[in-house]
Amino acid sequence: MSAGTIRDVLEFVGRLREAKIWFRLEANRYDGITVTVAVPGEIWEIDFLDDGTVDVEIFKSDGMIFGREKIEELFARFSD
C-alpha cells in the first residue's frame, strides 16, 4: 500500500472520530482497506485501494422494520 493511501485512510478515520461517527476497519480485499461506516439509515463501505483509488458504496434503508419471521425468509433466500 502506498504512503499516500495510508495517509488518506488515517485522515478519513480521524474525521470520523472527530464527528463521533461509528466505523470499523476491515481487510477483506488483497489490495486495500475497507472502512465500514454506520449512520442512521445508511451503511457506507469505503475501499482505499493500493493504487490510490477510493471506492464508495452506500446502502440506504427504506425504513421498513420486520419482525422475527423475516429471519427464516432471509436464510431461505441466501443459504446454499
Protein backbone atom coordinates (compact mmCIF):
# COMPACT_ATOMS: atom_id res chain seq x y z
CA MET A 1 0.00 0.00 0.00
CA SER A 2 1.43 3.39 -0.88
CA ALA A 3 2.09 6.05 1.76
CA GLY A 4 -0.50 8.35 0.18
CA THR A 5 -3.19 5.72 0.56
CA ILE A 6 -2.33 5.11 4.20
CA ARG A 7 -2.43 8.84 4.84
CA ASP A 8 -5.86 9.03 3.16
CA VAL A 9 -7.20 6.26 5.41
CA LEU A 10 -5.80 7.89 8.56
CA GLU A 11 -7.22 11.29 7.64
CA PHE A 12 -10.64 9.79 6.89
CA VAL A 13 -10.67 7.82 10.15
CA GLY A 14 -9.65 10.97 12.02
CA ARG A 15 -12.59 12.85 10.54
CA LEU A 16 -14.95 10.03 11.57
CA ARG A 17 -13.59 10.10 15.13
CA GLU A 18 -13.93 13.88 15.35
CA ALA A 19 -17.53 13.62 14.13
CA LYS A 20 -18.20 10.75 16.58
CA ILE A 21 -19.36 8.51 13.72
CA TRP A 22 -19.12 4.74 14.25
CA PHE A 23 -16.79 2.87 11.90
CA ARG A 24 -14.93 -0.42 11.52
CA LEU A 25 -11.71 -1.13 9.60
CA GLU A 26 -11.52 -4.36 7.62
CA ALA A 27 -9.04 -6.07 5.33
CA ASN A 28 -11.41 -8.02 3.09
CA ARG A 29 -9.52 -7.30 -0.13
CA TYR A 30 -5.96 -8.16 -1.04
CA ASP A 31 -5.42 -4.69 -2.49
CA GLY A 32 -6.86 -2.33 0.11
CA ILE A 33 -8.55 -1.49 3.36
CA THR A 34 -12.30 -1.13 3.82
CA VAL A 35 -13.83 1.38 6.22
CA THR A 36 -17.42 0.44 7.07
CA VAL A 37 -19.43 3.35 8.49
CA ALA A 38 -22.85 3.16 10.14
CA VAL A 39 -25.05 6.24 10.34
CA PRO A 40 -28.82 6.34 10.87
CA GLY A 41 -30.48 4.68 7.88
CA GLU A 42 -27.25 4.07 5.96
CA ILE A 43 -24.16 1.89 5.80
CA TRP A 44 -21.15 3.19 3.87
CA GLU A 45 -18.37 0.96 2.55
CA ILE A 46 -15.31 2.93 1.56
CA ASP A 47 -12.43 0.99 0.00
CA PHE A 48 -8.99 2.64 -0.03
CA LEU A 49 -7.02 0.71 -2.65
CA ASP A 50 -3.26 0.38 -3.05
CA ASP A 51 -3.33 2.18 -6.41
CA GLY A 52 -4.80 5.31 -4.74
CA THR A 53 -8.37 4.63 -5.90
CA VAL A 54 -11.18 5.17 -3.41
CA ASP A 55 -14.45 3.29 -4.00
CA VAL A 56 -17.56 4.37 -2.08
CA GLU A 57 -20.74 2.28 -1.84
CA ILE A 58 -23.79 3.45 0.14
CA PHE A 59 -26.57 1.17 1.35
CA LYS A 60 -29.77 3.01 2.35
CA SER A 61 -32.63 1.71 4.44
CA ASP A 62 -36.17 2.09 3.17
CA GLY A 63 -37.25 2.45 6.80
CA MET A 64 -39.22 -0.80 6.92
CA ILE A 65 -38.90 -2.77 10.16
CA PHE A 66 -39.63 -6.51 10.20
CA GLY A 67 -40.32 -9.00 12.97
CA ARG A 68 -38.65 -12.28 13.86
CA GLU A 69 -40.40 -14.06 10.98
CA LYS A 70 -38.14 -12.26 8.50
CA ILE A 71 -35.10 -14.22 9.74
CA GLU A 72 -36.26 -17.51 8.18
CA GLU A 73 -37.00 -15.79 4.89
CA LEU A 74 -33.51 -14.33 4.82
CA PHE A 75 -31.92 -17.74 5.45
CA ALA A 76 -34.11 -19.31 2.78
CA ARG A 77 -33.02 -16.69 0.25
CA PHE A 78 -29.30 -16.74 0.98
CA SER A 79 -28.41 -20.26 2.18
CA ASP A 80 -26.97 -22.85 -0.18
